[in-house]
């Protein structure tokens, strides 16, 4: 019986050592698994933040594009109005050139000669 107790003790010790080793192994695996879960949560948090920043960037980019389109439209309107103003200034200069300084006489100062279409042929200078 004594050999039986010794063998039983040795087998029990071996089983305990193996069980403890397996327990330590699983403890390490569990610890590594928890660490990976924490890292995964941190990565997901960073991805959410990056997505939020990306959305903000897109909103600002769209806002800038709208403002740029408005600016282009306003510049086009400004250029059109400048052309109209220049045309008006030219017309004023043209009418000033044709303005007669002597009212009510047949001799115009300055005298101008026009054809039937209204195109100036020549201007006589005195």
C-alpha atoms as a PDB file:
ATOM      1  CA  UNK A   1       0.000   0.000   0.000  1.00  0.00           C
ATOM      2  CA  UNK A   2       2.813   2.281   0.642  1.00  0.00           C
ATOM      3  CA  UNK A   3       3.913   2.129  -2.988  1.00  0.00           C
ATOM      4  CA  UNK A   4       0.409   2.928  -3.938  1.00  0.00           C
ATOM      5  CA  UNK A   5       0.471   6.085  -1.793  1.00  0.00           C
ATOM      6  CA  UNK A   6       3.839   7.120  -3.227  1.00  0.00           C
ATOM      7  CA  UNK A   7       2.693   6.529  -6.803  1.00  0.00           C
ATOM      8  CA  UNK A   8      -0.599   8.235  -6.036  1.00  0.00           C
ATOM      9  CA  UNK A   9       1.288  11.191  -4.521  1.00  0.00           C
ATOM     10  CA  UNK A  10       3.647  11.427  -7.500  1.00  0.00           C
ATOM     11  CA  UNK A  11       0.765  11.219  -9.997  1.00  0.00           C
ATOM     12  CA  UNK A  12      -1.211  13.805  -8.030  1.00  0.00           C
ATOM     13  CA  UNK A  13       1.816  16.106  -7.894  1.00  0.00           C
ATOM     14  CA  UNK A  14       2.392  15.722 -11.624  1.00  0.00           C
ATOM     15  CA  UNK A  15      -1.257  16.404 -12.347  1.00  0.00           C
ATOM     16  CA  UNK A  16      -1.096  19.454 -10.053  1.00  0.00           C
ATOM     17  CA  UNK A  17       2.026  20.724 -11.790  1.00  0.00           C
ATOM     18  CA  UNK A  18       0.490  20.183 -15.207  1.00  0.00           C
ATOM     19  CA  UNK A  19      -2.754  21.817 -14.072  1.00  0.00           C
ATOM     20  CA  UNK A  20      -0.835  24.732 -12.589  1.00  0.00           C
ATOM     21  CA  UNK A  21       1.228  25.075 -15.752  1.00  0.00           C
ATOM     22  CA  UNK A  22      -1.908  25.023 -17.825  1.00  0.00           C
ATOM     23  CA  UNK A  23      -3.478  27.533 -15.447  1.00  0.00           C
ATOM     24  CA  UNK A  24      -0.483  29.849 -15.778  1.00  0.00           C
ATOM     25  CA  UNK A  25      -0.591  29.387 -19.552  1.00  0.00           C
ATOM     26  CA  UNK A  26      -4.292  30.262 -19.656  1.00  0.00           C
ATOM     27  CA  UNK A  27      -3.707  33.167 -17.274  1.00  0.00           C
ATOM     28  CA  UNK A  28      -1.089  34.535 -19.667  1.00  0.00           C
ATOM     29  CA  UNK A  29      -3.402  33.927 -22.631  1.00  0.00           C
ATOM     30  CA  UNK A  30      -6.255  35.625 -20.782  1.00  0.00           C
ATOM     31  CA  UNK A  31      -4.011  38.553 -19.935  1.00  0.00           C
ATOM     32  CA  UNK A  32      -2.866  38.825 -23.570  1.00  0.00           C
ATOM     33  CA  UNK A  33      -6.486  38.564 -24.738  1.00  0.00           C
ATOM     34  CA  UNK A  34      -7.543  41.379 -22.421  1.00  0.00           C
ATOM     35  CA  UNK A  35      -4.599  43.497 -23.592  1.00  0.00           C
ATOM     36  CA  UNK A  36      -5.629  42.927 -27.224  1.00  0.00           C
ATOM     37  CA  UNK A  37      -9.211  43.906 -26.383  1.00  0.00           C
ATOM     38  CA  UNK A  38      -7.970  47.137 -24.807  1.00  0.00           C
ATOM     39  CA  UNK A  39      -5.805  47.836 -27.860  1.00  0.00           C
ATOM     40  CA  UNK A  40      -8.747  47.068 -30.160  1.00  0.00           C
ATOM     41  CA  UNK A  41     -10.969  49.468 -28.221  1.00  0.00           C
ATOM     42  CA  UNK A  42      -8.270  52.157 -28.451  1.00  0.00           C
ATOM     43  CA  UNK A  43      -7.946  51.616 -32.212  1.00  0.00           C
ATOM     44  CA  UNK A  44     -11.729  51.775 -32.655  1.00  0.00           C
ATOM     45  CA  UNK A  45     -11.783  55.014 -30.656  1.00  0.00           C
ATOM     46  CA  UNK A  46      -9.053  56.472 -32.872  1.00  0.00           C
ATOM     47  CA  UNK A  47     -10.969  55.365 -35.973  1.00  0.00           C
ATOM     48  CA  UNK A  48     -14.109  57.092 -34.690  1.00  0.00           C
ATOM     49  CA  UNK A  49     -12.133  60.268 -34.030  1.00  0.00           C
ATOM     50  CA  UNK A  50     -10.548  60.075 -37.484  1.00  0.00           C
ATOM     51  CA  UNK A  51     -13.997  59.632 -39.043  1.00  0.00           C
ATOM     52  CA  UNK A  52     -15.280  62.659 -37.125  1.00  0.00           C
ATOM     53  CA  UNK A  53     -12.323  64.747 -38.317  1.00  0.00           C
ATOM     54  CA  UNK A  54     -12.875  63.496 -41.861  1.00  0.00           C
ATOM     55  CA  UNK A  55     -16.530  64.563 -41.710  1.00  0.00           C
ATOM     56  CA  UNK A  56     -15.528  67.991 -40.391  1.00  0.00           C
ATOM     57  CA  UNK A  57     -12.978  68.322 -43.194  1.00  0.00           C
ATOM     58  CA  UNK A  58     -15.598  67.404 -45.804  1.00  0.00           C
ATOM     59  CA  UNK A  59     -18.038  69.963 -44.382  1.00  0.00           C
ATOM     60  CA  UNK A  60     -15.406  72.700 -44.409  1.00  0.00           C
ATOM     61  CA  UNK A  61     -14.301  71.704 -47.918  1.00  0.00           C
ATOM     62  CA  UNK A  62     -17.891  71.900 -49.197  1.00  0.00           C
ATOM     63  CA  UNK A  63     -18.317  75.255 -47.467  1.00  0.00           C
ATOM     64  CA  UNK A  64     -15.135  76.553 -49.136  1.00  0.00           C
ATOM     65  CA  UNK A  65     -16.315  75.246 -52.511  1.00  0.00           C
ATOM     66  CA  UNK A  66     -19.658  77.057 -52.112  1.00  0.00           C
ATOM     67  CA  UNK A  67     -17.886  80.283 -51.159  1.00  0.00           C
ATOM     68  CA  UNK A  68     -15.483  79.916 -54.084  1.00  0.00           C
ATOM     69  CA  UNK A  69     -18.435  79.459 -56.443  1.00  0.00           C
ATOM     70  CA  UNK A  70     -20.063  82.568 -54.979  1.00  0.00           C
ATOM     71  CA  UNK A  71     -16.819  84.495 -55.425  1.00  0.00           C
ATOM     72  CA  UNK A  72     -16.529  83.384 -59.051  1.00  0.00           C
ATOM     73  CA  UNK A  73     -20.124  84.440 -59.669  1.00  0.00           C
ATOM     74  CA  UNK A  74     -19.572  87.821 -58.003  1.00  0.00           C
ATOM     75  CA  UNK A  75     -16.369  88.404 -59.977  1.00  0.00           C
ATOM     76  CA  UNK A  76     -18.229  87.564 -63.196  1.00  0.00           C
ATOM     77  CA  UNK A  77     -20.974  90.038 -62.263  1.00  0.00           C
ATOM     78  CA  UNK A  78     -18.361  92.662 -61.391  1.00  0.00           C
ATOM     79  CA  UNK A  79     -16.615  92.176 -64.728  1.00  0.00           C
ATOM     80  CA  UNK A  80     -19.930  92.426 -66.572  1.00  0.00           C
ATOM     81  CA  UNK A  81     -20.803  95.634 -64.709  1.00  0.00           C
ATOM     82  CA  UNK A  82     -17.340  97.060 -65.422  1.00  0.00           C
ATOM     83  CA  UNK A  83     -17.866  96.373 -69.123  1.00  0.00           C
ATOM     84  CA  UNK A  84     -21.257  98.112 -68.977  1.00  0.00           C
ATOM     85  CA  UNK A  85     -19.734 101.094 -67.140  1.00  0.00           C
ATOM     86  CA  UNK A  86     -16.913 101.293 -69.677  1.00  0.00           C
ATOM     87  CA  UNK A  87     -19.466 101.166 -72.502  1.00  0.00           C
ATOM     88  CA  UNK A  88     -21.406 103.996 -70.827  1.00  0.00           C
ATOM     89  CA  UNK A  89     -18.235 106.063 -70.368  1.00  0.00           C
ATOM     90  CA  UNK A  90     -17.362 105.481 -74.008  1.00  0.00           C
ATOM     91  CA  UNK A  91     -20.869 106.557 -75.057  1.00  0.00           C
ATOM     92  CA  UNK A  92     -20.578 109.713 -72.910  1.00  0.00           C
ATOM     93  CA  UNK A  93     -17.231 110.512 -74.544  1.00  0.00           C
ATOM     94  CA  UNK A  94     -18.742 109.859 -77.949  1.00  0.00           C
ATOM     95  CA  UNK A  95     -21.709 112.120 -77.253  1.00  0.00           C
ATOM     96  CA  UNK A  96     -19.409 114.806 -75.853  1.00  0.00           C
ATOM     97  CA  UNK A  97     -17.440 114.654 -79.070  1.00  0.00           C
ATOM     98  CA  UNK A  98     -20.601 115.146 -81.114  1.00  0.00           C
ATOM     99  CA  UNK A  99     -22.060 117.832 -78.840  1.00  0.00           C
ATOM    100  CA  UNK A 100     -22.575 121.142 -80.588  1.00  0.00           C
ATOM    101  CA  UNK A 101     -21.392 124.138 -78.645  1.00  0.00           C
ATOM    102  CA  UNK A 102     -23.406 126.577 -80.708  1.00  0.00           C
ATOM    103  CA  UNK A 103     -27.125 126.022 -80.356  1.00  0.00           C
ATOM    104  CA  UNK A 104     -29.615 127.027 -83.024  1.00  0.00           C
ATOM    105  CA  UNK A 105     -27.267 127.582 -85.970  1.00  0.00           C
ATOM    106  CA  UNK A 106     -26.591 125.594 -89.080  1.00  0.00           C
ATOM    107  CA  UNK A 107     -22.827 125.696 -88.632  1.00  0.00           C
ATOM    108  CA  UNK A 108     -22.069 123.122 -86.023  1.00  0.00           C
ATOM    109  CA  UNK A 109     -19.062 123.408 -83.840  1.00  0.00           C
ATOM    110  CA  UNK A 110     -17.542 120.902 -84.264  1.00  0.00           C
ATOM    111  CA  UNK A 111     -19.023 120.120 -87.684  1.00  0.00           C
ATOM    112  CA  UNK A 112     -19.488 116.452 -88.494  1.00  0.00           C
ATOM    113  CA  UNK A 113     -20.633 114.740 -91.641  1.00  0.00           C
ATOM    114  CA  UNK A 114     -22.569 111.448 -91.480  1.00  0.00           C
ATOM    115  CA  UNK A 115     -23.784 109.013 -94.120  1.00  0.00           C
ATOM    116  CA  UNK A 116     -27.312 107.593 -94.258  1.00  0.00           C
ATOM    117  CA  UNK A 117     -26.465 104.824 -91.746  1.00  0.00           C
ATOM    118  CA  UNK A 118     -25.302 107.359 -89.175  1.00  0.00           C
ATOM    119  CA  UNK A 119     -21.618 106.561 -89.576  1.00  0.00           C
ATOM    120  CA  UNK A 120     -19.327 109.547 -89.372  1.00  0.00           C
ATOM    121  CA  UNK A 121     -17.567 110.305 -92.637  1.00  0.00           C
ATOM    122  CA  UNK A 122     -15.368 113.178 -91.516  1.00  0.00           C
ATOM    123  CA  UNK A 123     -15.131 116.017 -89.081  1.00  0.00           C
ATOM    124  CA  UNK A 124     -14.218 119.454 -90.383  1.00  0.00           C
ATOM    125  CA  UNK A 125     -11.939 121.345 -88.113  1.00  0.00           C
ATOM    126  CA  UNK A 126     -11.663 125.097 -88.146  1.00  0.00           C
END
